[in-house]
C-alpha atoms as a PDB file:
ATOM      1  CA  MET A   1     -53.417 -21.188 -62.890  1.00  0.00           C
ATOM      2  CA  SER A   2     -50.109 -19.994 -61.724  1.00  0.00           C
ATOM      3  CA  SER A   3     -48.255 -21.696 -58.977  1.00  0.00           C
ATOM      4  CA  ARG A   4     -46.070 -20.044 -56.397  1.00  0.00           C
ATOM      5  CA  THR A   5     -43.373 -21.668 -54.312  1.00  0.00           C
ATOM      6  CA  THR A   6     -42.736 -20.305 -50.828  1.00  0.00           C
ATOM      7  CA  THR A   7     -39.367 -20.826 -49.196  1.00  0.00           C
ATOM      8  CA  THR A   8     -38.465 -20.305 -45.609  1.00  0.00           C
ATOM      9  CA  ALA A   9     -34.979 -19.107 -44.713  1.00  0.00           C
ATOM     10  CA  ALA A  10     -33.176 -21.389 -42.347  1.00  0.00           C
ATOM     11  CA  THR A  11     -32.460 -19.914 -38.936  1.00  0.00           C
ATOM     12  CA  PRO A  12     -28.706 -19.963 -38.361  1.00  0.00           C
ATOM     13  CA  ALA A  13     -27.573 -21.822 -35.313  1.00  0.00           C
ATOM     14  CA  SER A  14     -26.574 -19.455 -32.521  1.00  0.00           C
ATOM     15  CA  SER A  15     -22.813 -19.135 -32.111  1.00  0.00           C
ATOM     16  CA  PRO A  16     -21.407 -20.228 -28.774  1.00  0.00           C
ATOM     17  CA  ALA A  17     -20.374 -17.380 -26.487  1.00  0.00           C
ATOM     18  CA  PRO A  18     -16.624 -16.783 -26.588  1.00  0.00           C
ATOM     19  CA  ALA A  19     -14.754 -18.307 -23.709  1.00  0.00           C
ATOM     20  CA  PRO A  20     -13.753 -15.741 -21.087  1.00  0.00           C
ATOM     21  CA  ALA A  21     -10.135 -14.642 -21.244  1.00  0.00           C
ATOM     22  CA  THR A  22      -7.911 -16.181 -18.616  1.00  0.00           C
ATOM     23  CA  MET A  23      -4.562 -15.323 -17.068  1.00  0.00           C
ATOM     24  CA  ARG A  24      -1.807 -16.862 -14.994  1.00  0.00           C
ATOM     25  CA  ALA A  25      -1.615 -15.994 -11.297  1.00  0.00           C
ATOM     26  CA  VAL A  26      -0.320 -17.369  -8.010  1.00  0.00           C
ATOM     27  CA  SER A  27      -2.701 -18.122  -5.146  1.00  0.00           C
ATOM     28  CA  PRO A  28      -2.480 -19.755  -1.715  1.00  0.00           C
ATOM     29  CA  ARG A  29      -4.428 -23.015  -1.557  1.00  0.00           C
ATOM     30  CA  VAL A  30      -4.939 -22.329   2.149  1.00  0.00           C
ATOM     31  CA  TRP A  31      -3.343 -19.847   4.551  1.00  0.00           C
ATOM     32  CA  GLY A  32      -0.017 -21.156   5.791  1.00  0.00           C
ATOM     33  CA  ALA A  33       3.667 -21.684   4.962  1.00  0.00           C
ATOM     34  CA  PRO A  34       5.236 -20.371   1.716  1.00  0.00           C
ATOM     35  CA  ASP A  35       4.595 -23.620  -0.164  1.00  0.00           C
ATOM     36  CA  VAL A  36       0.829 -22.969  -0.116  1.00  0.00           C
ATOM     37  CA  LEU A  37       1.470 -20.540  -2.994  1.00  0.00           C
ATOM     38  CA  VAL A  38       0.819 -22.326  -6.290  1.00  0.00           C
ATOM     39  CA  PRO A  39       0.307 -21.290  -9.945  1.00  0.00           C
ATOM     40  CA  VAL A  40      -3.352 -21.047 -11.010  1.00  0.00           C
ATOM     41  CA  GLU A  41      -5.305 -19.965 -14.062  1.00  0.00           C
ATOM     42  CA  VAL A  42      -8.172 -17.550 -13.404  1.00  0.00           C
ATOM     43  CA  ALA A  43     -10.477 -15.281 -15.366  1.00  0.00           C
ATOM     44  CA  ARG A  44      -8.845 -12.067 -16.542  1.00  0.00           C
ATOM     45  CA  PRO A  45     -10.496  -9.032 -14.912  1.00  0.00           C
ATOM     46  CA  GLU A  46     -12.135  -6.283 -16.953  1.00  0.00           C
ATOM     47  CA  PRO A  47     -11.904  -2.600 -16.053  1.00  0.00           C
ATOM     48  CA  GLY A  48     -15.046  -1.029 -14.607  1.00  0.00           C
ATOM     49  CA  LEU A  49     -16.051   2.598 -14.229  1.00  0.00           C
ATOM     50  CA  THR A  50     -12.940   4.799 -13.672  1.00  0.00           C
ATOM     51  CA  GLU A  51     -10.692   1.689 -13.683  1.00  0.00           C
ATOM     52  CA  ILE A  52      -7.759   0.647 -15.843  1.00  0.00           C
ATOM     53  CA  LEU A  53      -6.586  -2.823 -16.848  1.00  0.00           C
ATOM     54  CA  VAL A  54      -2.828  -3.115 -16.349  1.00  0.00           C
ATOM     55  CA  LYS A  55      -0.672  -5.826 -17.916  1.00  0.00           C
ATOM     56  CA  VAL A  56       1.700  -6.566 -15.049  1.00  0.00           C
ATOM     57  CA  HIS A  57       5.415  -6.644 -15.867  1.00  0.00           C
ATOM     58  CA  ALA A  58       6.641  -6.909 -12.272  1.00  0.00           C
ATOM     59  CA  ALA A  59       5.147  -7.171  -8.774  1.00  0.00           C
ATOM     60  CA  GLY A  60       6.839  -6.231  -5.521  1.00  0.00           C
ATOM     61  CA  VAL A  61       6.942  -8.597  -2.539  1.00  0.00           C
ATOM     62  CA  ASN A  62       6.301  -7.080   0.898  1.00  0.00           C
ATOM     63  CA  PRO A  63       6.052  -8.261   4.520  1.00  0.00           C
ATOM     64  CA  ALA A  64       2.301  -7.620   4.284  1.00  0.00           C
ATOM     65  CA  ASP A  65       2.142 -10.346   1.619  1.00  0.00           C
ATOM     66  CA  TRP A  66       3.683 -13.076   3.732  1.00  0.00           C
ATOM     67  CA  LYS A  67       1.757 -12.025   6.844  1.00  0.00           C
ATOM     68  CA  ILE A  68      -1.478 -12.370   4.878  1.00  0.00           C
ATOM     69  CA  ARG A  69      -0.347 -15.677   3.371  1.00  0.00           C
ATOM     70  CA  ALA A  70       0.495 -17.081   6.798  1.00  0.00           C
ATOM     71  CA  ALA A  71      -2.761 -16.212   8.530  1.00  0.00           C
ATOM     72  CA  GLY A  72      -5.192 -14.513   6.155  1.00  0.00           C
ATOM     73  CA  GLN A  73      -4.762 -11.152   7.850  1.00  0.00           C
ATOM     74  CA  PHE A  74      -6.241  -7.891   6.542  1.00  0.00           C
ATOM     75  CA  GLY A  75      -8.880  -7.288   3.920  1.00  0.00           C
ATOM     76  CA  THR A  76     -11.482  -9.493   2.286  1.00  0.00           C
ATOM     77  CA  TRP A  77     -10.430 -12.430   0.120  1.00  0.00           C
ATOM     78  CA  GLY A  78     -12.399 -14.340  -2.478  1.00  0.00           C
ATOM     79  CA  ASP A  79     -12.407 -18.030  -3.380  1.00  0.00           C
ATOM     80  CA  THR A  80      -9.075 -17.629  -5.181  1.00  0.00           C
ATOM     81  CA  PRO A  81      -7.038 -15.111  -3.180  1.00  0.00           C
ATOM     82  CA  ILE A  82      -4.297 -13.370  -5.133  1.00  0.00           C
ATOM     83  CA  LEU A  83      -1.698 -11.506  -3.094  1.00  0.00           C
ATOM     84  CA  GLY A  84       0.417  -8.542  -4.151  1.00  0.00           C
ATOM     85  CA  TYR A  85       0.034  -4.755  -3.888  1.00  0.00           C
ATOM     86  CA  ASP A  86       3.086  -3.378  -5.738  1.00  0.00           C
ATOM     87  CA  VAL A  87       2.490  -3.290  -9.489  1.00  0.00           C
ATOM     88  CA  SER A  88       4.355  -1.923 -12.478  1.00  0.00           C
ATOM     89  CA  GLY A  89       3.150  -2.512 -16.002  1.00  0.00           C
ATOM     90  CA  THR A  90       1.440  -1.219 -19.122  1.00  0.00           C
ATOM     91  CA  VAL A  91      -2.132  -0.008 -19.466  1.00  0.00           C
ATOM     92  CA  GLU A  92      -3.976  -2.560 -21.599  1.00  0.00           C
ATOM     93  CA  ALA A  93      -7.450  -0.988 -21.540  1.00  0.00           C
ATOM     94  CA  VAL A  94      -9.348   1.798 -19.787  1.00  0.00           C
ATOM     95  CA  GLY A  95     -12.843   1.760 -18.347  1.00  0.00           C
ATOM     96  CA  PRO A  96     -15.520   4.427 -18.769  1.00  0.00           C
ATOM     97  CA  GLY A  97     -14.612   7.817 -17.371  1.00  0.00           C
ATOM     98  CA  VAL A  98     -10.827   7.378 -17.338  1.00  0.00           C
ATOM     99  CA  THR A  99      -8.916  10.415 -18.621  1.00  0.00           C
ATOM    100  CA  LEU A 100      -5.542  10.059 -16.864  1.00  0.00           C
ATOM    101  CA  PHE A 101      -4.191   7.178 -18.939  1.00  0.00           C
ATOM    102  CA  ALA A 102      -4.509   5.517 -22.325  1.00  0.00           C
ATOM    103  CA  PRO A 103      -3.573   2.034 -23.560  1.00  0.00           C
ATOM    104  CA  GLY A 104       0.195   1.727 -23.848  1.00  0.00           C
ATOM    105  CA  ASP A 105       1.027   4.032 -20.929  1.00  0.00           C
ATOM    106  CA  GLU A 106       3.532   2.657 -18.422  1.00  0.00           C
ATOM    107  CA  VAL A 107       2.299   2.975 -14.847  1.00  0.00           C
ATOM    108  CA  PHE A 108       3.138   1.887 -11.308  1.00  0.00           C
ATOM    109  CA  GLY A 109       1.164   1.975  -8.102  1.00  0.00           C
ATOM    110  CA  MET A 110      -0.211   0.325  -4.965  1.00  0.00           C
ATOM    111  CA  PRO A 111      -3.896  -0.306  -5.718  1.00  0.00           C
ATOM    112  CA  ARG A 112      -6.648  -1.289  -3.283  1.00  0.00           C
ATOM    113  CA  PHE A 113      -4.567  -1.831  -0.111  1.00  0.00           C
ATOM    114  CA  PRO A 114      -5.535  -3.430   2.272  1.00  0.00           C
ATOM    115  CA  GLU A 115      -8.184  -5.199   0.161  1.00  0.00           C
ATOM    116  CA  GLN A 116      -7.230  -7.702  -2.534  1.00  0.00           C
ATOM    117  CA  ALA A 117      -5.312  -6.055  -5.359  1.00  0.00           C
ATOM    118  CA  GLY A 118      -4.061  -9.214  -7.079  1.00  0.00           C
ATOM    119  CA  GLY A 119      -0.558  -8.130  -8.064  1.00  0.00           C
ATOM    120  CA  TYR A 120       0.729 -11.713  -8.351  1.00  0.00           C
ATOM    121  CA  ALA A 121      -0.957 -12.095 -11.736  1.00  0.00           C
ATOM    122  CA  GLU A 122      -0.624 -11.204 -15.399  1.00  0.00           C
ATOM    123  CA  TYR A 123      -3.318  -8.510 -15.210  1.00  0.00           C
ATOM    124  CA  VAL A 124      -4.727  -6.190 -12.550  1.00  0.00           C
ATOM    125  CA  THR A 125      -7.667  -3.799 -12.561  1.00  0.00           C
ATOM    126  CA  ALA A 126      -7.946  -0.867 -10.182  1.00  0.00           C
ATOM    127  CA  PRO A 127      -9.094   2.758 -10.051  1.00  0.00           C
ATOM    128  CA  ALA A 128      -6.914   4.851 -12.358  1.00  0.00           C
ATOM    129  CA  ARG A 129      -6.018   7.266  -9.569  1.00  0.00           C
ATOM    130  CA  ARG A 130      -4.250   4.521  -7.643  1.00  0.00           C
ATOM    131  CA  PHE A 131      -1.464   4.726 -10.248  1.00  0.00           C
ATOM    132  CA  ALA A 132       1.117   7.201 -11.534  1.00  0.00           C
ATOM    133  CA  ARG A 133       3.197   7.173 -14.698  1.00  0.00           C
ATOM    134  CA  LYS A 134       6.300   5.056 -14.312  1.00  0.00           C
ATOM    135  CA  PRO A 135       9.445   7.217 -14.349  1.00  0.00           C
ATOM    136  CA  ALA A 136      11.230   6.726 -17.656  1.00  0.00           C
ATOM    137  CA  ASN A 137      14.634   6.418 -15.987  1.00  0.00           C
ATOM    138  CA  ILE A 138      13.838   3.106 -14.228  1.00  0.00           C
ATOM    139  CA  ASP A 139      12.606  -0.265 -15.493  1.00  0.00           C
ATOM    140  CA  HIS A 140       9.510  -2.149 -14.354  1.00  0.00           C
ATOM    141  CA  VAL A 141      11.403  -4.261 -11.811  1.00  0.00           C
ATOM    142  CA  GLU A 142      12.735  -1.173 -10.037  1.00  0.00           C
ATOM    143  CA  ALA A 143       9.343   0.517 -10.262  1.00  0.00           C
ATOM    144  CA  ALA A 144       7.557  -2.489  -8.750  1.00  0.00           C
ATOM    145  CA  ALA A 145       9.902  -2.339  -5.755  1.00  0.00           C
ATOM    146  CA  LEU A 146       8.752   1.161  -4.831  1.00  0.00           C
ATOM    147  CA  PRO A 147       5.051   1.804  -4.203  1.00  0.00           C
ATOM    148  CA  LEU A 148       4.126   0.232  -0.857  1.00  0.00           C
ATOM    149  CA  ALA A 149       7.505   0.720   0.828  1.00  0.00           C
ATOM    150  CA  ALA A 150       8.106   4.225  -0.530  1.00  0.00           C
ATOM    151  CA  LEU A 151       4.572   5.367   0.283  1.00  0.00           C
ATOM    152  CA  THR A 152       4.967   3.967   3.802  1.00  0.00           C
ATOM    153  CA  ALA A 153       8.174   5.962   4.289  1.00  0.00           C
ATOM    154  CA  TRP A 154       6.863   9.132   2.641  1.00  0.00           C
ATOM    155  CA  GLN A 155       3.544   9.169   4.491  1.00  0.00           C
ATOM    156  CA  GLY A 156       5.226   8.399   7.822  1.00  0.00           C
ATOM    157  CA  LEU A 157       7.997  10.978   7.513  1.00  0.00           C
ATOM    158  CA  VAL A 158       6.438  13.796   5.521  1.00  0.00           C
ATOM    159  CA  GLU A 159       2.716  13.668   6.260  1.00  0.00           C
ATOM    160  CA  THR A 160       2.570  12.115   9.731  1.00  0.00           C
ATOM    161  CA  ALA A 161       5.728  13.581  11.286  1.00  0.00           C
ATOM    162  CA  GLY A 162       5.826  16.770   9.186  1.00  0.00           C
ATOM    163  CA  LEU A 163       9.529  16.339   8.402  1.00  0.00           C
ATOM    164  CA  ARG A 164      11.406  19.601   7.745  1.00  0.00           C
ATOM    165  CA  ALA A 165      14.876  20.471   6.516  1.00  0.00           C
ATOM    166  CA  GLY A 166      17.499  20.462   9.246  1.00  0.00           C
ATOM    167  CA  GLN A 167      15.712  17.978  11.510  1.00  0.00           C
ATOM    168  CA  ARG A 168      17.394  14.887  12.929  1.00  0.00           C
ATOM    169  CA  VAL A 169      15.778  11.591  11.923  1.00  0.00           C
ATOM    170  CA  LEU A 170      16.440   8.127  13.364  1.00  0.00           C
ATOM    171  CA  ILE A 171      15.400   5.251  11.094  1.00  0.00           C
ATOM    172  CA  HIS A 172      15.303   1.766  12.597  1.00  0.00           C
ATOM    173  CA  ALA A 173      15.934  -1.174  10.205  1.00  0.00           C
ATOM    174  CA  ALA A 174      17.448   1.340   7.816  1.00  0.00           C
ATOM    175  CA  ALA A 175      18.649  -1.245   5.263  1.00  0.00           C
ATOM    176  CA  GLY A 176      15.252  -2.925   4.875  1.00  0.00           C
ATOM    177  CA  GLY A 177      12.597  -2.433   2.221  1.00  0.00           C
ATOM    178  CA  VAL A 178      11.014   0.622   3.849  1.00  0.00           C
ATOM    179  CA  GLY A 179      14.142   1.750   5.677  1.00  0.00           C
ATOM    180  CA  HIS A 180      16.478   2.225   2.720  1.00  0.00           C
ATOM    181  CA  LEU A 181      13.829   4.294   0.934  1.00  0.00           C
ATOM    182  CA  ALA A 182      13.137   6.301   4.089  1.00  0.00           C
ATOM    183  CA  VAL A 183      16.837   7.197   4.312  1.00  0.00           C
ATOM    184  CA  GLN A 184      16.721   8.667   0.814  1.00  0.00           C
ATOM    185  CA  ILE A 185      13.406  10.466   1.295  1.00  0.00           C
ATOM    186  CA  ALA A 186      14.602  12.044   4.542  1.00  0.00           C
ATOM    187  CA  LYS A 187      17.813  13.210   2.838  1.00  0.00           C
ATOM    188  CA  ALA A 188      15.832  14.604  -0.089  1.00  0.00           C
ATOM    189  CA  TYR A 189      13.859  16.716   2.395  1.00  0.00           C
ATOM    190  CA  GLY A 190      17.048  18.052   3.964  1.00  0.00           C
ATOM    191  CA  ALA A 191      17.197  15.975   7.177  1.00  0.00           C
ATOM    192  CA  TYR A 192      20.211  14.673   9.096  1.00  0.00           C
ATOM    193  CA  VAL A 193      19.749  10.893   8.928  1.00  0.00           C
ATOM    194  CA  ILE A 194      20.773   8.338  11.554  1.00  0.00           C
ATOM    195  CA  GLY A 195      20.136   4.657  10.863  1.00  0.00           C
ATOM    196  CA  THR A 196      20.299   1.415  12.819  1.00  0.00           C
ATOM    197  CA  ALA A 197      21.559  -1.581  10.866  1.00  0.00           C
ATOM    198  CA  ARG A 198      24.108  -4.375  11.042  1.00  0.00           C
ATOM    199  CA  ALA A 199      27.677  -3.280  10.354  1.00  0.00           C
ATOM    200  CA  ASP A 200      27.806  -5.072   6.995  1.00  0.00           C
ATOM    201  CA  LYS A 201      24.989  -2.784   5.733  1.00  0.00           C
ATOM    202  CA  HIS A 202      26.672   0.488   6.682  1.00  0.00           C
ATOM    203  CA  GLU A 203      28.557   1.041   3.425  1.00  0.00           C
ATOM    204  CA  PHE A 204      25.338   0.539   1.462  1.00  0.00           C
ATOM    205  CA  LEU A 205      23.477   3.048   3.648  1.00  0.00           C
ATOM    206  CA  ARG A 206      26.256   5.622   3.380  1.00  0.00           C
ATOM    207  CA  SER A 207      25.938   5.350  -0.399  1.00  0.00           C
ATOM    208  CA  LEU A 208      22.286   6.356   0.018  1.00  0.00           C
ATOM    209  CA  GLY A 209      23.199   9.403   2.064  1.00  0.00           C
ATOM    210  CA  ALA A 210      22.945   8.275   5.714  1.00  0.00           C
ATOM    211  CA  ASP A 211      24.931  10.662   7.935  1.00  0.00           C
ATOM    212  CA  GLU A 212      25.371   8.442  10.982  1.00  0.00           C
ATOM    213  CA  LEU A 213      24.984   4.678  11.499  1.00  0.00           C
ATOM    214  CA  ILE A 214      24.595   2.483  14.578  1.00  0.00           C
ATOM    215  CA  ASP A 215      25.307  -1.242  14.629  1.00  0.00           C
ATOM    216  CA  TYR A 216      22.430  -2.397  16.813  1.00  0.00           C
ATOM    217  CA  THR A 217      24.148  -5.735  17.458  1.00  0.00           C
ATOM    218  CA  ALA A 218      27.049  -3.994  19.204  1.00  0.00           C
ATOM    219  CA  VAL A 219      25.725  -0.610  20.397  1.00  0.00           C
ATOM    220  CA  ASP A 220      22.614   0.411  22.346  1.00  0.00           C
ATOM    221  CA  PHE A 221      21.110   3.190  20.216  1.00  0.00           C
ATOM    222  CA  THR A 222      19.617   4.829  23.331  1.00  0.00           C
ATOM    223  CA  GLU A 223      23.173   5.551  24.503  1.00  0.00           C
ATOM    224  CA  ALA A 224      24.483   6.639  21.101  1.00  0.00           C
ATOM    225  CA  VAL A 225      21.955   9.245  19.976  1.00  0.00           C
ATOM    226  CA  ARG A 226      20.027  12.166  21.498  1.00  0.00           C
ATOM    227  CA  ASP A 227      17.814  15.103  20.501  1.00  0.00           C
ATOM    228  CA  VAL A 228      16.107  13.411  17.570  1.00  0.00           C
ATOM    229  CA  ASP A 229      13.111  15.093  15.946  1.00  0.00           C
ATOM    230  CA  VAL A 230      11.621  12.013  14.245  1.00  0.00           C
ATOM    231  CA  VAL A 231      11.958   8.268  14.827  1.00  0.00           C
ATOM    232  CA  LEU A 232      10.652   5.959  12.102  1.00  0.00           C
ATOM    233  CA  ASP A 233      10.348   2.560  13.766  1.00  0.00           C
ATOM    234  CA  GLY A 234      10.255  -0.338  11.331  1.00  0.00           C
ATOM    235  CA  VAL A 235      11.080  -2.941  13.997  1.00  0.00           C
ATOM    236  CA  GLY A 236       8.352  -2.669  16.623  1.00  0.00           C
ATOM    237  CA  GLY A 237       8.294  -4.475  19.942  1.00  0.00           C
ATOM    238  CA  ALA A 238      10.390  -2.740  22.601  1.00  0.00           C
ATOM    239  CA  TYR A 239      11.948  -0.377  20.063  1.00  0.00           C
ATOM    240  CA  GLY A 240       9.068   2.077  20.405  1.00  0.00           C
ATOM    241  CA  GLU A 241       9.332   2.422  24.173  1.00  0.00           C
ATOM    242  CA  ARG A 242      13.122   2.651  24.014  1.00  0.00           C
ATOM    243  CA  SER A 243      12.957   5.296  21.290  1.00  0.00           C
ATOM    244  CA  LEU A 244      11.037   7.758  23.467  1.00  0.00           C
ATOM    245  CA  GLY A 245      14.179   8.667  25.374  1.00  0.00           C
ATOM    246  CA  VAL A 246      16.096   9.780  22.274  1.00  0.00           C
ATOM    247  CA  LEU A 247      13.404  12.191  21.076  1.00  0.00           C
ATOM    248  CA  ARG A 248      13.431  15.860  21.911  1.00  0.00           C
ATOM    249  CA  ARG A 249      10.291  17.483  23.273  1.00  0.00           C
ATOM    250  CA  GLY A 250       7.780  17.918  20.450  1.00  0.00           C
ATOM    251  CA  GLY A 251       9.341  15.046  18.505  1.00  0.00           C
ATOM    252  CA  HIS A 252       7.460  12.318  16.632  1.00  0.00           C
ATOM    253  CA  LEU A 253       7.655   8.547  17.014  1.00  0.00           C
ATOM    254  CA  VAL A 254       6.081   6.866  13.966  1.00  0.00           C
ATOM    255  CA  THR A 255       5.555   3.115  14.452  1.00  0.00           C
ATOM    256  CA  LEU A 256       5.048   0.966  11.348  1.00  0.00           C
ATOM    257  CA  PRO A 257       4.678  -2.670  12.544  1.00  0.00           C
ATOM    258  CA  ASP A 258       2.041  -4.023  14.943  1.00  0.00           C
ATOM    259  CA  PRO A 259       0.594  -1.229  17.151  1.00  0.00           C
ATOM    260  CA  GLY A 260       1.267  -3.515  20.120  1.00  0.00           C
ATOM    261  CA  GLY A 261       4.768  -2.014  20.060  1.00  0.00           C
ATOM    262  CA  LEU A 262       3.531   1.495  20.819  1.00  0.00           C
ATOM    263  CA  PRO A 263       4.962   2.977  24.036  1.00  0.00           C
ATOM    264  CA  ASP A 264       2.879   3.919  27.048  1.00  0.00           C
ATOM    265  CA  ALA A 265       0.723   6.893  26.034  1.00  0.00           C
ATOM    266  CA  GLU A 266       0.998   8.578  29.436  1.00  0.00           C
ATOM    267  CA  ARG A 267       4.803   8.464  29.345  1.00  0.00           C
ATOM    268  CA  ALA A 268       4.815   9.881  25.823  1.00  0.00           C
ATOM    269  CA  ARG A 269       2.632  12.788  26.981  1.00  0.00           C
ATOM    270  CA  GLU A 270       4.898  13.442  29.970  1.00  0.00           C
ATOM    271  CA  LEU A 271       7.890  13.644  27.638  1.00  0.00           C
ATOM    272  CA  GLY A 272       6.012  15.888  25.226  1.00  0.00           C
ATOM    273  CA  VAL A 273       6.402  13.387  22.410  1.00  0.00           C
ATOM    274  CA  HIS A 274       3.886  12.505  19.704  1.00  0.00           C
ATOM    275  CA  ALA A 275       3.683   8.708  19.357  1.00  0.00           C
ATOM    276  CA  GLY A 276       1.415   6.794  17.004  1.00  0.00           C
ATOM    277  CA  TRP A 277       0.950   3.901  14.603  1.00  0.00           C
ATOM    278  CA  THR A 278       0.491   4.542  10.902  1.00  0.00           C
ATOM    279  CA  VAL A 279      -0.692   2.277   8.075  1.00  0.00           C
ATOM    280  CA  VAL A 280       0.061   3.062   4.454  1.00  0.00           C
ATOM    281  CA  GLU A 281      -2.831   4.111   2.205  1.00  0.00           C
ATOM    282  CA  PRO A 282      -3.210   4.239  -1.593  1.00  0.00           C
ATOM    283  CA  ASP A 283      -2.216   7.793  -2.462  1.00  0.00           C
ATOM    284  CA  ARG A 284      -1.830   9.314  -5.943  1.00  0.00           C
ATOM    285  CA  HIS A 285      -0.332  12.508  -4.514  1.00  0.00           C
ATOM    286  CA  GLY A 286       2.322  10.458  -2.733  1.00  0.00           C
ATOM    287  CA  MET A 287       2.978   8.373  -5.854  1.00  0.00           C
ATOM    288  CA  LEU A 288       3.526  11.540  -7.901  1.00  0.00           C
ATOM    289  CA  GLU A 289       6.016  12.769  -5.301  1.00  0.00           C
ATOM    290  CA  ILE A 290       7.829   9.425  -5.338  1.00  0.00           C
ATOM    291  CA  ALA A 291       7.978   9.544  -9.143  1.00  0.00           C
ATOM    292  CA  ARG A 292       9.416  13.085  -8.947  1.00  0.00           C
ATOM    293  CA  LEU A 293      12.160  12.022  -6.531  1.00  0.00           C
ATOM    294  CA  VAL A 294      13.048   9.067  -8.775  1.00  0.00           C
ATOM    295  CA  GLU A 295      13.190  11.238 -11.886  1.00  0.00           C
ATOM    296  CA  GLU A 296      15.464  13.725 -10.088  1.00  0.00           C
ATOM    297  CA  GLY A 297      17.829  10.941  -9.018  1.00  0.00           C
ATOM    298  CA  ALA A 298      17.063  11.385  -5.312  1.00  0.00           C
ATOM    299  CA  LEU A 299      15.365   8.011  -4.811  1.00  0.00           C
ATOM    300  CA  ARG A 300      16.044   4.500  -6.039  1.00  0.00           C
ATOM    301  CA  ALA A 301      14.966   1.069  -4.921  1.00  0.00           C
ATOM    302  CA  GLU A 302      17.585  -1.530  -4.106  1.00  0.00           C
ATOM    303  CA  VAL A 303      16.392  -4.814  -5.633  1.00  0.00           C
ATOM    304  CA  ALA A 304      17.886  -7.649  -3.609  1.00  0.00           C
ATOM    305  CA  ALA A 305      16.598 -10.425  -5.894  1.00  0.00           C
ATOM    306  CA  THR A 306      14.015 -11.210  -8.554  1.00  0.00           C
ATOM    307  CA  PHE A 307      11.959 -14.382  -8.985  1.00  0.00           C
ATOM    308  CA  PRO A 308       9.634 -15.527 -11.779  1.00  0.00           C
ATOM    309  CA  LEU A 309       5.963 -15.332 -10.813  1.00  0.00           C
ATOM    310  CA  ALA A 310       5.717 -19.122 -10.496  1.00  0.00           C
ATOM    311  CA  ARG A 311       8.431 -19.039  -7.801  1.00  0.00           C
ATOM    312  CA  ALA A 312       6.581 -16.651  -5.494  1.00  0.00           C
ATOM    313  CA  ALA A 313       6.801 -19.223  -2.677  1.00  0.00           C
ATOM    314  CA  GLU A 314      10.597 -19.059  -2.839  1.00  0.00           C
ATOM    315  CA  ALA A 315      10.496 -15.263  -2.672  1.00  0.00           C
ATOM    316  CA  HIS A 316       8.328 -15.456   0.449  1.00  0.00           C
ATOM    317  CA  ALA A 317      10.680 -17.930   2.106  1.00  0.00           C
ATOM    318  CA  VAL A 318      13.614 -15.581   1.489  1.00  0.00           C
ATOM    319  CA  GLY A 319      11.718 -12.509   2.663  1.00  0.00           C
ATOM    320  CA  GLU A 320      10.598 -14.062   5.919  1.00  0.00           C
ATOM    321  CA  GLN A 321      14.219 -14.461   7.004  1.00  0.00           C
ATOM    322  CA  SER A 322      14.283 -10.650   7.531  1.00  0.00           C
ATOM    323  CA  ARG A 323      17.855 -10.343   6.270  1.00  0.00           C
ATOM    324  CA  THR A 324      17.097  -8.838   2.861  1.00  0.00           C
ATOM    325  CA  GLN A 325      18.842  -5.630   1.866  1.00  0.00           C
ATOM    326  CA  GLY A 326      16.208  -3.747  -0.107  1.00  0.00           C
ATOM    327  CA  LYS A 327      13.282  -5.365  -1.916  1.00  0.00           C
ATOM    328  CA  LEU A 328      12.269  -8.643  -3.581  1.00  0.00           C
ATOM    329  CA  VAL A 329      10.392  -8.520  -6.897  1.00  0.00           C
ATOM    330  CA  LEU A 330       8.450 -11.020  -9.002  1.00  0.00           C
ATOM    331  CA  THR A 331       8.885 -10.785 -12.776  1.00  0.00           C
ATOM    332  CA  VAL A 332       5.600 -11.428 -14.587  1.00  0.00           C
ATOM    333  CA  ALA A 333       5.652 -10.332 -18.237  1.00  0.00           C
END
């Protein structure tokens, strides 16, 4: 009688799931002063349908960032809010349906505004069409200084006011983050550019192409300029109301800060002036135009200072003093 031995294969123990990838970021513990911004480690995002994963090399710092940090304004924020809208970096991965970019491409953009974009981090995901290819003639720091401020200027001047060659443009706060880019964009479109700025900023603005400058600490701009076609108001408050008198009939007043600074609508109608508040929007068409101007040498960002990501609080403290010439940028990778 033959015997037969039966063996049973051992069931291998299941392998533990790999730990999710993490990344460095900076987040406010609570809304408040600059020192609420602290380094954190969070899960690395993954690109979804039509999205790309960008390895961030640099992130721009904007007034919107410190206004949000101070009071939680705008958008919807999760348990670990991550500020930052200006991003320049390298595509790490692409989600399903993406055809514009491939891993390794260098891109810059302003994704998701005014919702959380998470630029103060090592990685960002966003729809591919919120980005454009980074111009080859600038580095990531310069590229990160551009998107939000340049789009604000371009949309306000070109799309909202319909800027045309030969028009006279008055730019308030001309040496600031938006202002110094607006000067260059207006010149690139053939305008005569007048700027308000402190006297010590005038040489810088002339180097960008400004035709006429007014030291607002010594001269009342309403007495120094007339027959303006477009006013780009980056100051707000009483500047909007005061600017009505320098516009010619049919002119445009474009207000960028709080709409509380808009002038009386009835007075604007009586003067035949278009007056309104505009908020920047993510805009691939605008980003492509900004990239074109940069590549042609007509537009460049002035980087006032850079800070490592972990020192974002210091960058905010500097920015809130409102004396910066140009832009502040965080270096990430």
